[in-house]
Amino acid sequence: MRFKLIIAFVDSDKTDNILNAAREEGATGSTIISQARGEGLNHNQTFLGLSIDTPRDVLLLLVEQHLSRAILESVAKAGEFDRDDQEGIAFQIDVEDAVGVAHQIKALETTVEEKL
């Protein structure tokens, strides 16, 4: 079984909706890193030296490669990434090898068969 890693940078208030959407498309779990900060084309605004950024989360989803595109698209839709340039970003990268996922492979085999 081959995997991809989906990495998403999202507003923390959208994290739960995004994870629910990813699960509906076959994601079996995630890791959330809270209180991330990022900048886009424009510098972040400050007030008296304090950042007024919206809190961000980094979502890491190790997913089966056949499900990865549908999961990535569901993340973008739930996060409303197309609304404007400040909503978030997600991308996927190939995973050469993974350990510690044997318990998920059995569930994934059934899910992948159903989706294909």
PDB file of N, CA and C in Angstrom:
ATOM      1  N   MET A   1       0.844  -1.169   0.000  1.00  0.00           N
ATOM      2  CA  MET A   1       0.000   0.000   0.000  1.00  0.00           C
ATOM      3  C   MET A   1       0.891   1.234   0.000  1.00  0.00           C
ATOM      4  N   ARG A   2       0.542   2.211  -0.832  1.00  0.00           N
ATOM      5  CA  ARG A   2       1.317   3.449  -0.955  1.00  0.00           C
ATOM      6  C   ARG A   2       0.544   4.597  -0.296  1.00  0.00           C
ATOM      7  N   PHE A   3       1.316   5.531   0.260  1.00  0.00           N
ATOM      8  CA  PHE A   3       0.701   6.640   0.981  1.00  0.00           C
ATOM      9  C   PHE A   3       1.171   7.983   0.447  1.00  0.00           C
ATOM     10  N   LYS A   4       0.353   8.993   0.722  1.00  0.00           N
ATOM     11  CA  LYS A   4       0.703  10.387   0.477  1.00  0.00           C
ATOM     12  C   LYS A   4       0.478  11.124   1.797  1.00  0.00           C
ATOM     13  N   LEU A   5       1.216  12.210   1.972  1.00  0.00           N
ATOM     14  CA  LEU A   5       1.033  13.054   3.144  1.00  0.00           C
ATOM     15  C   LEU A   5       0.404  14.356   2.678  1.00  0.00           C
ATOM     16  N   ILE A   6      -0.784  14.632   3.192  1.00  0.00           N
ATOM     17  CA  ILE A   6      -1.441  15.906   2.914  1.00  0.00           C
ATOM     18  C   ILE A   6      -1.113  16.839   4.066  1.00  0.00           C
ATOM     19  N   ILE A   7      -0.600  17.998   3.722  1.00  0.00           N
ATOM     20  CA  ILE A   7      -0.260  19.025   4.710  1.00  0.00           C
ATOM     21  C   ILE A   7      -1.151  20.225   4.412  1.00  0.00           C
ATOM     22  N   ALA A   8      -1.876  20.678   5.428  1.00  0.00           N
ATOM     23  CA  ALA A   8      -2.785  21.812   5.252  1.00  0.00           C
ATOM     24  C   ALA A   8      -2.527  22.843   6.341  1.00  0.00           C
ATOM     25  N   PHE A   9      -2.507  24.105   5.939  1.00  0.00           N
ATOM     26  CA  PHE A   9      -2.374  25.231   6.862  1.00  0.00           C
ATOM     27  C   PHE A   9      -3.727  25.932   6.848  1.00  0.00           C
ATOM     28  N   VAL A  10      -4.435  25.918   7.982  1.00  0.00           N
ATOM     29  CA  VAL A  10      -5.823  26.380   8.013  1.00  0.00           C
ATOM     30  C   VAL A  10      -6.091  27.238   9.241  1.00  0.00           C
ATOM     31  N   ASP A  11      -7.129  28.076   9.144  1.00  0.00           N
ATOM     32  CA  ASP A  11      -7.588  28.806  10.318  1.00  0.00           C
ATOM     33  C   ASP A  11      -8.092  27.794  11.341  1.00  0.00           C
ATOM     34  N   SER A  12      -7.737  28.003  12.601  1.00  0.00           N
ATOM     35  CA  SER A  12      -8.076  27.024  13.626  1.00  0.00           C
ATOM     36  C   SER A  12      -9.579  26.831  13.790  1.00  0.00           C
ATOM     37  N   ASP A  13     -10.379  27.826  13.465  1.00  0.00           N
ATOM     38  CA  ASP A  13     -11.829  27.669  13.607  1.00  0.00           C
ATOM     39  C   ASP A  13     -12.427  26.784  12.508  1.00  0.00           C
ATOM     40  N   LYS A  14     -11.648  26.434  11.495  1.00  0.00           N
ATOM     41  CA  LYS A  14     -12.124  25.557  10.419  1.00  0.00           C
ATOM     42  C   LYS A  14     -11.582  24.134  10.532  1.00  0.00           C
ATOM     43  N   THR A  15     -10.709  23.898  11.490  1.00  0.00           N
ATOM     44  CA  THR A  15     -10.038  22.598  11.604  1.00  0.00           C
ATOM     45  C   THR A  15     -11.018  21.437  11.698  1.00  0.00           C
ATOM     46  N   ASP A  16     -11.998  21.517  12.584  1.00  0.00           N
ATOM     47  CA  ASP A  16     -12.931  20.406  12.766  1.00  0.00           C
ATOM     48  C   ASP A  16     -13.728  20.114  11.502  1.00  0.00           C
ATOM     49  N   ASN A  17     -14.208  21.149  10.823  1.00  0.00           N
ATOM     50  CA  ASN A  17     -14.955  20.938   9.579  1.00  0.00           C
ATOM     51  C   ASN A  17     -14.083  20.283   8.511  1.00  0.00           C
ATOM     52  N   ILE A  18     -12.848  20.717   8.427  1.00  0.00           N
ATOM     53  CA  ILE A  18     -11.923  20.157   7.443  1.00  0.00           C
ATOM     54  C   ILE A  18     -11.630  18.695   7.742  1.00  0.00           C
ATOM     55  N   LEU A  19     -11.381  18.377   9.000  1.00  0.00           N
ATOM     56  CA  LEU A  19     -11.102  16.988   9.367  1.00  0.00           C
ATOM     57  C   LEU A  19     -12.312  16.090   9.138  1.00  0.00           C
ATOM     58  N   ASN A  20     -13.509  16.583   9.418  1.00  0.00           N
ATOM     59  CA  ASN A  20     -14.726  15.801   9.144  1.00  0.00           C
ATOM     60  C   ASN A  20     -14.869  15.528   7.647  1.00  0.00           C
ATOM     61  N   ALA A  21     -14.609  16.539   6.832  1.00  0.00           N
ATOM     62  CA  ALA A  21     -14.691  16.364   5.376  1.00  0.00           C
ATOM     63  C   ALA A  21     -13.650  15.351   4.895  1.00  0.00           C
ATOM     64  N   ALA A  22     -12.451  15.419   5.433  1.00  0.00           N
ATOM     65  CA  ALA A  22     -11.391  14.476   5.051  1.00  0.00           C
ATOM     66  C   ALA A  22     -11.769  13.045   5.440  1.00  0.00           C
ATOM     67  N   ARG A  23     -12.343  12.867   6.619  1.00  0.00           N
ATOM     68  CA  ARG A  23     -12.778  11.530   7.051  1.00  0.00           C
ATOM     69  C   ARG A  23     -13.870  10.970   6.140  1.00  0.00           C
ATOM     70  N   GLU A  24     -14.770  11.826   5.695  1.00  0.00           N
ATOM     71  CA  GLU A  24     -15.831  11.374   4.790  1.00  0.00           C
ATOM     72  C   GLU A  24     -15.268  10.848   3.473  1.00  0.00           C
ATOM     73  N   GLU A  25     -14.097  11.322   3.091  1.00  0.00           N
ATOM     74  CA  GLU A  25     -13.463  10.867   1.846  1.00  0.00           C
ATOM     75  C   GLU A  25     -12.473   9.730   2.074  1.00  0.00           C
ATOM     76  N   GLY A  26     -12.312   9.285   3.325  1.00  0.00           N
ATOM     77  CA  GLY A  26     -11.482   8.114   3.576  1.00  0.00           C
ATOM     78  C   GLY A  26     -10.251   8.319   4.431  1.00  0.00           C
ATOM     79  N   ALA A  27     -10.004   9.524   4.908  1.00  0.00           N
ATOM     80  CA  ALA A  27      -8.864   9.741   5.808  1.00  0.00           C
ATOM     81  C   ALA A  27      -9.118   8.989   7.116  1.00  0.00           C
ATOM     82  N   THR A  28      -8.094   8.372   7.652  1.00  0.00           N
ATOM     83  CA  THR A  28      -8.263   7.559   8.854  1.00  0.00           C
ATOM     84  C   THR A  28      -7.741   8.228  10.111  1.00  0.00           C
ATOM     85  N   GLY A  29      -7.156   9.398   9.994  1.00  0.00           N
ATOM     86  CA  GLY A  29      -6.654  10.097  11.168  1.00  0.00           C
ATOM     87  C   GLY A  29      -5.840  11.297  10.758  1.00  0.00           C
ATOM     88  N   SER A  30      -5.365  12.030  11.751  1.00  0.00           N
ATOM     89  CA  SER A  30      -4.579  13.228  11.465  1.00  0.00           C
ATOM     90  C   SER A  30      -3.756  13.611  12.684  1.00  0.00           C
ATOM     91  N   THR A  31      -2.797  14.465  12.440  1.00  0.00           N
ATOM     92  CA  THR A  31      -2.038  15.113  13.503  1.00  0.00           C
ATOM     93  C   THR A  31      -2.253  16.605  13.325  1.00  0.00           C
ATOM     94  N   ILE A  32      -2.524  17.289  14.427  1.00  0.00           N
ATOM     95  CA  ILE A  32      -2.793  18.725  14.391  1.00  0.00           C
ATOM     96  C   ILE A  32      -1.708  19.439  15.188  1.00  0.00           C
ATOM     97  N   ILE A  33      -1.086  20.405  14.552  1.00  0.00           N
ATOM     98  CA  ILE A  33      -0.112  21.262  15.225  1.00  0.00           C
ATOM     99  C   ILE A  33      -0.764  22.632  15.342  1.00  0.00           C
ATOM    100  N   SER A  34      -1.008  23.057  16.578  1.00  0.00           N
ATOM    101  CA  SER A  34      -1.740  24.302  16.812  1.00  0.00           C
ATOM    102  C   SER A  34      -0.805  25.497  16.922  1.00  0.00           C
ATOM    103  N   GLN A  35      -1.405  26.661  16.750  1.00  0.00           N
ATOM    104  CA  GLN A  35      -0.741  27.949  16.937  1.00  0.00           C
ATOM    105  C   GLN A  35       0.415  28.190  15.971  1.00  0.00           C
ATOM    106  N   ALA A  36       0.236  27.770  14.730  1.00  0.00           N
ATOM    107  CA  ALA A  36       1.220  28.072  13.693  1.00  0.00           C
ATOM    108  C   ALA A  36       0.989  29.499  13.211  1.00  0.00           C
ATOM    109  N   ARG A  37       1.979  30.055  12.562  1.00  0.00           N
ATOM    110  CA  ARG A  37       1.869  31.407  12.029  1.00  0.00           C
ATOM    111  C   ARG A  37       2.456  31.407  10.633  1.00  0.00           C
ATOM    112  N   GLY A  38       1.871  32.161   9.742  1.00  0.00           N
ATOM    113  CA  GLY A  38       2.394  32.211   8.390  1.00  0.00           C
ATOM    114  C   GLY A  38       2.108  33.541   7.733  1.00  0.00           C
ATOM    115  N   GLU A  39       2.759  33.757   6.611  1.00  0.00           N
ATOM    116  CA  GLU A  39       2.559  34.971   5.834  1.00  0.00           C
ATOM    117  C   GLU A  39       2.377  34.609   4.381  1.00  0.00           C
ATOM    118  N   GLY A  40       1.532  35.376   3.705  1.00  0.00           N
ATOM    119  CA  GLY A  40       1.327  35.203   2.273  1.00  0.00           C
ATOM    120  C   GLY A  40       2.082  36.282   1.524  1.00  0.00           C
ATOM    121  N   LEU A  41       1.482  36.795   0.480  1.00  0.00           N
ATOM    122  CA  LEU A  41       2.114  37.844  -0.321  1.00  0.00           C
ATOM    123  C   LEU A  41       2.332  39.124   0.471  1.00  0.00           C
ATOM    124  N   ASN A  42       1.418  39.405   1.383  1.00  0.00           N
ATOM    125  CA  ASN A  42       1.508  40.627   2.177  1.00  0.00           C
ATOM    126  C   ASN A  42       1.926  40.297   3.610  1.00  0.00           C
ATOM    127  N   HIS A  43       2.653  41.228   4.238  1.00  0.00           N
ATOM    128  CA  HIS A  43       3.058  41.031   5.621  1.00  0.00           C
ATOM    129  C   HIS A  43       1.845  41.080   6.536  1.00  0.00           C
ATOM    130  N   ASN A  44       1.944  40.366   7.656  1.00  0.00           N
ATOM    131  CA  ASN A  44       0.851  40.354   8.620  1.00  0.00           C
ATOM    132  C   ASN A  44       0.712  41.698   9.314  1.00  0.00           C
ATOM    133  N   GLN A  45      -0.499  42.023   9.688  1.00  0.00           N
ATOM    134  CA  GLN A  45      -0.768  43.282  10.362  1.00  0.00           C
ATOM    135  C   GLN A  45      -0.451  43.159  11.855  1.00  0.00           C
ATOM    136  N   THR A  46      -0.045  44.277  12.430  1.00  0.00           N
ATOM    137  CA  THR A  46       0.204  44.314  13.871  1.00  0.00           C
ATOM    138  C   THR A  46      -0.480  45.545  14.453  1.00  0.00           C
ATOM    139  N   PHE A  47      -0.697  45.499  15.751  1.00  0.00           N
ATOM    140  CA  PHE A  47      -1.251  46.630  16.473  1.00  0.00           C
ATOM    141  C   PHE A  47      -0.394  46.820  17.712  1.00  0.00           C
ATOM    142  N   LEU A  48       0.329  47.937  17.765  1.00  0.00           N
ATOM    143  CA  LEU A  48       1.259  48.211  18.876  1.00  0.00           C
ATOM    144  C   LEU A  48       2.253  47.073  19.078  1.00  0.00           C
ATOM    145  N   GLY A  49       2.690  46.502  17.959  1.00  0.00           N
ATOM    146  CA  GLY A  49       3.697  45.443  18.015  1.00  0.00           C
ATOM    147  C   GLY A  49       3.141  44.047  18.237  1.00  0.00           C
ATOM    148  N   LEU A  50       1.833  43.920  18.475  1.00  0.00           N
ATOM    149  CA  LEU A  50       1.218  42.612  18.676  1.00  0.00           C
ATOM    150  C   LEU A  50       0.586  42.141  17.379  1.00  0.00           C
ATOM    151  N   SER A  51       0.820  40.899  17.048  1.00  0.00           N
ATOM    152  CA  SER A  51       0.259  40.326  15.833  1.00  0.00           C
ATOM    153  C   SER A  51      -1.250  40.167  15.988  1.00  0.00           C
ATOM    154  N   ILE A  52      -1.999  40.485  14.945  1.00  0.00           N
ATOM    155  CA  ILE A  52      -3.450  40.304  14.975  1.00  0.00           C
ATOM    156  C   ILE A  52      -3.871  39.218  13.981  1.00  0.00           C
ATOM    157  N   ASP A  53      -3.010  38.231  13.825  1.00  0.00           N
ATOM    158  CA  ASP A  53      -3.295  37.113  12.932  1.00  0.00           C
ATOM    159  C   ASP A  53      -4.369  36.212  13.525  1.00  0.00           C
ATOM    160  N   THR A  54      -5.102  35.552  12.634  1.00  0.00           N
ATOM    161  CA  THR A  54      -6.010  34.494  13.053  1.00  0.00           C
ATOM    162  C   THR A  54      -5.164  33.270  13.388  1.00  0.00           C
ATOM    163  N   PRO A  55      -5.427  32.600  14.510  1.00  0.00           N
ATOM    164  CA  PRO A  55      -4.652  31.397  14.824  1.00  0.00           C
ATOM    165  C   PRO A  55      -4.774  30.363  13.715  1.00  0.00           C
ATOM    166  N   ARG A  56      -3.686  29.709  13.409  1.00  0.00           N
ATOM    167  CA  ARG A  56      -3.638  28.696  12.357  1.00  0.00           C
ATOM    168  C   ARG A  56      -3.277  27.344  12.947  1.00  0.00           C
ATOM    169  N   ASP A  57      -3.734  26.315  12.278  1.00  0.00           N
ATOM    170  CA  ASP A  57      -3.345  24.951  12.603  1.00  0.00           C
ATOM    171  C   ASP A  57      -2.661  24.355  11.382  1.00  0.00           C
ATOM    172  N   VAL A  58      -1.738  23.443  11.641  1.00  0.00           N
ATOM    173  CA  VAL A  58      -1.133  22.646  10.579  1.00  0.00           C
ATOM    174  C   VAL A  58      -1.714  21.244  10.727  1.00  0.00           C
ATOM    175  N   LEU A  59      -2.343  20.757   9.674  1.00  0.00           N
ATOM    176  CA  LEU A  59      -2.940  19.424   9.681  1.00  0.00           C
ATOM    177  C   LEU A  59      -2.066  18.491   8.853  1.00  0.00           C
ATOM    178  N   LEU A  60      -1.734  17.354   9.413  1.00  0.00           N
ATOM    179  CA  LEU A  60      -0.960  16.335   8.721  1.00  0.00           C
ATOM    180  C   LEU A  60      -1.838  15.097   8.589  1.00  0.00           C
ATOM    181  N   LEU A  61      -2.085  14.683   7.360  1.00  0.00           N
ATOM    182  CA  LEU A  61      -2.930  13.513   7.114  1.00  0.00           C
ATOM    183  C   LEU A  61      -2.164  12.522   6.254  1.00  0.00           C
ATOM    184  N   LEU A  62      -1.862  11.369   6.797  1.00  0.00           N
ATOM    185  CA  LEU A  62      -1.235  10.296   6.038  1.00  0.00           C
ATOM    186  C   LEU A  62      -2.362   9.480   5.426  1.00  0.00           C
ATOM    187  N   VAL A  63      -2.475   9.507   4.093  1.00  0.00           N
ATOM    188  CA  VAL A  63      -3.620   8.899   3.415  1.00  0.00           C
ATOM    189  C   VAL A  63      -3.155   7.944   2.319  1.00  0.00           C
ATOM    190  N   GLU A  64      -4.021   7.008   1.980  1.00  0.00           N
ATOM    191  CA  GLU A  64      -3.736   6.068   0.906  1.00  0.00           C
ATOM    192  C   GLU A  64      -3.748   6.820  -0.416  1.00  0.00           C
ATOM    193  N   GLN A  65      -2.815   6.504  -1.304  1.00  0.00           N
ATOM    194  CA  GLN A  65      -2.625   7.307  -2.522  1.00  0.00           C
ATOM    195  C   GLN A  65      -3.850   7.368  -3.425  1.00  0.00           C
ATOM    196  N   HIS A  66      -4.654   6.320  -3.496  1.00  0.00           N
ATOM    197  CA  HIS A  66      -5.830   6.340  -4.360  1.00  0.00           C
ATOM    198  C   HIS A  66      -6.927   7.261  -3.832  1.00  0.00           C
ATOM    199  N   LEU A  67      -6.876   7.571  -2.540  1.00  0.00           N
ATOM    200  CA  LEU A  67      -7.871   8.443  -1.927  1.00  0.00           C
ATOM    201  C   LEU A  67      -7.382   9.883  -1.806  1.00  0.00           C
ATOM    202  N   SER A  68      -6.104  10.101  -2.050  1.00  0.00           N
ATOM    203  CA  SER A  68      -5.479  11.380  -1.706  1.00  0.00           C
ATOM    204  C   SER A  68      -6.067  12.583  -2.448  1.00  0.00           C
ATOM    205  N   ARG A  69      -6.345  12.455  -3.727  1.00  0.00           N
ATOM    206  CA  ARG A  69      -6.861  13.618  -4.471  1.00  0.00           C
ATOM    207  C   ARG A  69      -8.247  14.022  -3.974  1.00  0.00           C
ATOM    208  N   ALA A  70      -9.116  13.045  -3.743  1.00  0.00           N
ATOM    209  CA  ALA A  70     -10.457  13.353  -3.248  1.00  0.00           C
ATOM    210  C   ALA A  70     -10.382  13.979  -1.853  1.00  0.00           C
ATOM    211  N   ILE A  71      -9.475  13.498  -1.021  1.00  0.00           N
ATOM    212  CA  ILE A  71      -9.311  14.063   0.318  1.00  0.00           C
ATOM    213  C   ILE A  71      -8.779  15.485   0.213  1.00  0.00           C
ATOM    214  N   LEU A  72      -7.786  15.703  -0.632  1.00  0.00           N
ATOM    215  CA  LEU A  72      -7.221  17.038  -0.819  1.00  0.00           C
ATOM    216  C   LEU A  72      -8.295  18.024  -1.277  1.00  0.00           C
ATOM    217  N   GLU A  73      -9.129  17.611  -2.226  1.00  0.00           N
ATOM    218  CA  GLU A  73     -10.203  18.482  -2.710  1.00  0.00           C
ATOM    219  C   GLU A  73     -11.238  18.756  -1.627  1.00  0.00           C
ATOM    220  N   SER A  74     -11.530  17.758  -0.781  1.00  0.00           N
ATOM    221  CA  SER A  74     -12.498  17.974   0.299  1.00  0.00           C
ATOM    222  C   SER A  74     -11.937  18.928   1.347  1.00  0.00           C
ATOM    223  N   VAL A  75     -10.636  18.875   1.586  1.00  0.00           N
ATOM    224  CA  VAL A  75      -9.986  19.814   2.508  1.00  0.00           C
ATOM    225  C   VAL A  75     -10.120  21.236   1.974  1.00  0.00           C
ATOM    226  N   ALA A  76      -9.848  21.415   0.683  1.00  0.00           N
ATOM    227  CA  ALA A  76      -9.940  22.747   0.068  1.00  0.00           C
ATOM    228  C   ALA A  76     -11.364  23.287   0.106  1.00  0.00           C
ATOM    229  N   LYS A  77     -12.336  22.419  -0.156  1.00  0.00           N
ATOM    230  CA  LYS A  77     -13.730  22.866  -0.164  1.00  0.00           C
ATOM    231  C   LYS A  77     -14.188  23.229   1.254  1.00  0.00           C
ATOM    232  N   ALA A  78     -13.920  22.381   2.227  1.00  0.00           N
ATOM    233  CA  ALA A  78     -14.341  22.643   3.610  1.00  0.00           C
ATOM    234  C   ALA A  78     -13.627  23.863   4.187  1.00  0.00           C
ATOM    235  N   GLY A  79     -12.386  24.093   3.756  1.00  0.00           N
ATOM    236  CA  GLY A  79     -11.625  25.243   4.240  1.00  0.00           C
ATOM    237  C   GLY A  79     -11.894  26.515   3.478  1.00  0.00           C
ATOM    238  N   GLU A  80     -12.709  26.409   2.423  1.00  0.00           N
ATOM    239  CA  GLU A  80     -13.050  27.556   1.587  1.00  0.00           C
ATOM    240  C   GLU A  80     -11.800  28.257   1.056  1.00  0.00           C
ATOM    241  N   PHE A  81     -10.838  27.482   0.589  1.00  0.00           N
ATOM    242  CA  PHE A  81      -9.562  28.018   0.122  1.00  0.00           C
ATOM    243  C   PHE A  81      -9.715  28.938  -1.083  1.00  0.00           C
ATOM    244  N   ASP A  82     -10.755  28.735  -1.884  1.00  0.00           N
ATOM    245  CA  ASP A  82     -10.940  29.555  -3.078  1.00  0.00           C
ATOM    246  C   ASP A  82     -11.611  30.889  -2.786  1.00  0.00           C
ATOM    247  N   ARG A  83     -12.057  31.092  -1.550  1.00  0.00           N
ATOM    248  CA  ARG A  83     -12.765  32.333  -1.206  1.00  0.00           C
ATOM    249  C   ARG A  83     -11.839  33.542  -1.305  1.00  0.00           C
ATOM    250  N   ASP A  84     -10.651  33.463  -0.707  1.00  0.00           N
ATOM    251  CA  ASP A  84      -9.630  34.508  -0.873  1.00  0.00           C
ATOM    252  C   ASP A  84      -8.266  33.936  -0.510  1.00  0.00           C
ATOM    253  N   ASP A  85      -7.238  34.745  -0.647  1.00  0.00           N
ATOM    254  CA  ASP A  85      -5.872  34.253  -0.473  1.00  0.00           C
ATOM    255  C   ASP A  85      -5.451  34.066   0.987  1.00  0.00           C
ATOM    256  N   GLN A  86      -6.324  34.341   1.936  1.00  0.00           N
ATOM    257  CA  GLN A  86      -5.987  34.202   3.346  1.00  0.00           C
ATOM    258  C   GLN A  86      -6.632  32.973   3.998  1.00  0.00           C
ATOM    259  N   GLU A  87      -7.350  32.175   3.249  1.00  0.00           N
ATOM    260  CA  GLU A  87      -8.120  31.075   3.846  1.00  0.00           C
ATOM    261  C   GLU A  87      -7.284  29.852   4.192  1.00  0.00           C
ATOM    262  N   GLY A  88      -6.251  29.584   3.452  1.00  0.00           N
ATOM    263  CA  GLY A  88      -5.437  28.413   3.745  1.00  0.00           C
ATOM    264  C   GLY A  88      -4.818  27.836   2.493  1.00  0.00           C
ATOM    265  N   ILE A  89      -4.025  26.808   2.715  1.00  0.00           N
ATOM    266  CA  ILE A  89      -3.344  26.129   1.619  1.00  0.00           C
ATOM    267  C   ILE A  89      -3.166  24.666   2.014  1.00  0.00           C
ATOM    268  N   ALA A  90      -3.206  23.806   1.029  1.00  0.00           N
ATOM    269  CA  ALA A  90      -2.965  22.379   1.271  1.00  0.00           C
ATOM    270  C   ALA A  90      -2.234  21.802   0.073  1.00  0.00           C
ATOM    271  N   PHE A  91      -1.402  20.825   0.337  1.00  0.00           N
ATOM    272  CA  PHE A  91      -0.678  20.144  -0.728  1.00  0.00           C
ATOM    273  C   PHE A  91      -0.377  18.730  -0.277  1.00  0.00           C
ATOM    274  N   GLN A  92      -0.010  17.884  -1.240  1.00  0.00           N
ATOM    275  CA  GLN A  92       0.329  16.506  -0.908  1.00  0.00           C
ATOM    276  C   GLN A  92       1.715  16.176  -1.425  1.00  0.00           C
ATOM    277  N   ILE A  93       2.382  15.304  -0.689  1.00  0.00           N
ATOM    278  CA  ILE A  93       3.705  14.838  -1.088  1.00  0.00           C
ATOM    279  C   ILE A  93       3.736  13.321  -0.993  1.00  0.00           C
ATOM    280  N   ASP A  94       4.581  12.700  -1.814  1.00  0.00           N
ATOM    281  CA  ASP A  94       4.737  11.248  -1.789  1.00  0.00           C
ATOM    282  C   ASP A  94       5.444  10.823  -0.510  1.00  0.00           C
ATOM    283  N   VAL A  95       5.036   9.695   0.012  1.00  0.00           N
ATOM    284  CA  VAL A  95       5.675   9.106   1.185  1.00  0.00           C
ATOM    285  C   VAL A  95       6.397   7.848   0.713  1.00  0.00           C
ATOM    286  N   GLU A  96       7.690   7.829   0.916  1.00  0.00           N
ATOM    287  CA  GLU A  96       8.469   6.684   0.462  1.00  0.00           C
ATOM    288  C   GLU A  96       8.176   5.432   1.282  1.00  0.00           C
ATOM    289  N   ASP A  97       8.018   5.593   2.586  1.00  0.00           N
ATOM    290  CA  ASP A  97       7.796   4.453   3.460  1.00  0.00           C
ATOM    291  C   ASP A  97       7.114   4.940   4.726  1.00  0.00           C
ATOM    292  N   ALA A  98       6.374   4.077   5.386  1.00  0.00           N
ATOM    293  CA  ALA A  98       5.706   4.435   6.640  1.00  0.00           C
ATOM    294  C   ALA A  98       5.640   3.213   7.538  1.00  0.00           C
ATOM    295  N   VAL A  99       5.811   3.429   8.820  1.00  0.00           N
ATOM    296  CA  VAL A  99       5.651   2.367   9.811  1.00  0.00           C
ATOM    297  C   VAL A  99       4.630   2.834  10.842  1.00  0.00           C
ATOM    298  N   GLY A 100       4.072   1.893  11.575  1.00  0.00           N
ATOM    299  CA  GLY A 100       3.098   2.237  12.592  1.00  0.00           C
ATOM    300  C   GLY A 100       1.694   2.405  12.064  1.00  0.00           C
ATOM    301  N   VAL A 101       1.447   1.990  10.836  1.00  0.00           N
ATOM    302  CA  VAL A 101       0.115   2.153  10.242  1.00  0.00           C
ATOM    303  C   VAL A 101      -0.538   0.813   9.915  1.00  0.00           C
ATOM    304  N   ALA A 102       0.016  -0.267  10.409  1.00  0.00           N
ATOM    305  CA  ALA A 102      -0.530  -1.592  10.099  1.00  0.00           C
ATOM    306  C   ALA A 102      -1.982  -1.726  10.532  1.00  0.00           C
ATOM    307  N   HIS A 103      -2.348  -1.098  11.642  1.00  0.00           N
ATOM    308  CA  HIS A 103      -3.726  -1.177  12.130  1.00  0.00           C
ATOM    309  C   HIS A 103      -4.702  -0.443  11.217  1.00  0.00           C
ATOM    310  N   GLN A 104      -4.219   0.508  10.444  1.00  0.00           N
ATOM    311  CA  GLN A 104      -5.094   1.255   9.538  1.00  0.00           C
ATOM    312  C   GLN A 104      -5.209   0.595   8.167  1.00  0.00           C
ATOM    313  N   ILE A 105      -4.213  -0.206   7.808  1.00  0.00           N
ATOM    314  CA  ILE A 105      -4.195  -0.794   6.459  1.00  0.00           C
ATOM    315  C   ILE A 105      -5.407  -1.680   6.221  1.00  0.00           C
ATOM    316  N   LYS A 106      -5.807  -2.471   7.218  1.00  0.00           N
ATOM    317  CA  LYS A 106      -6.959  -3.354   7.044  1.00  0.00           C
ATOM    318  C   LYS A 106      -8.227  -2.541   6.734  1.00  0.00           C
ATOM    319  N   ALA A 107      -8.460  -1.470   7.467  1.00  0.00           N
ATOM    320  CA  ALA A 107      -9.625  -0.617   7.211  1.00  0.00           C
ATOM    321  C   ALA A 107      -9.502   0.079   5.858  1.00  0.00           C
ATOM    322  N   LEU A 108      -8.298   0.484   5.509  1.00  0.00           N
ATOM    323  CA  LEU A 108      -8.086   1.176   4.237  1.00  0.00           C
ATOM    324  C   LEU A 108      -8.326   0.263   3.040  1.00  0.00           C
ATOM    325  N   GLU A 109      -7.976  -1.017   3.165  1.00  0.00           N
ATOM    326  CA  GLU A 109      -8.175  -1.935   2.045  1.00  0.00           C
ATOM    327  C   GLU A 109      -9.641  -1.972   1.627  1.00  0.00           C
ATOM    328  N   THR A 110     -10.530  -2.049   2.597  1.00  0.00           N
ATOM    329  CA  THR A 110     -11.962  -2.070   2.304  1.00  0.00           C
ATOM    330  C   THR A 110     -12.413  -0.737   1.701  1.00  0.00           C
ATOM    331  N   THR A 111     -11.963   0.361   2.295  1.00  0.00           N
ATOM    332  CA  THR A 111     -12.352   1.691   1.817  1.00  0.00           C
ATOM    333  C   THR A 111     -11.888   1.926   0.386  1.00  0.00           C
ATOM    334  N   VAL A 112     -10.647   1.566   0.101  1.00  0.00           N
ATOM    335  CA  VAL A 112     -10.100   1.760  -1.247  1.00  0.00           C
ATOM    336  C   VAL A 112     -10.856   0.923  -2.260  1.00  0.00           C
ATOM    337  N   GLU A 113     -11.161  -0.325  -1.920  1.00  0.00           N
ATOM    338  CA  GLU A 113     -11.908  -1.178  -2.825  1.00  0.00           C
ATOM    339  C   GLU A 113     -13.277  -0.578  -3.133  1.00  0.00           C
ATOM    340  N   GLU A 114     -13.948  -0.026  -2.124  1.00  0.00           N
ATOM    341  CA  GLU A 114     -15.264   0.564  -2.318  1.00  0.00           C
ATOM    342  C   GLU A 114     -15.186   1.817  -3.198  1.00  0.00           C
ATOM    343  N   LYS A 115     -14.151   2.633  -3.012  1.00  0.00           N
ATOM    344  CA  LYS A 115     -14.017   3.891  -3.760  1.00  0.00           C
ATOM    345  C   LYS A 115     -13.617   3.638  -5.206  1.00  0.00           C
ATOM    346  N   LEU A 116     -12.844   2.576  -5.438  1.00  0.00           N
ATOM    347  CA  LEU A 116     -12.402   2.289  -6.806  1.00  0.00           C
ATOM    348  C   LEU A 116     -13.472   1.507  -7.513  1.00  0.00           C
TER     349      LEU A 116
END
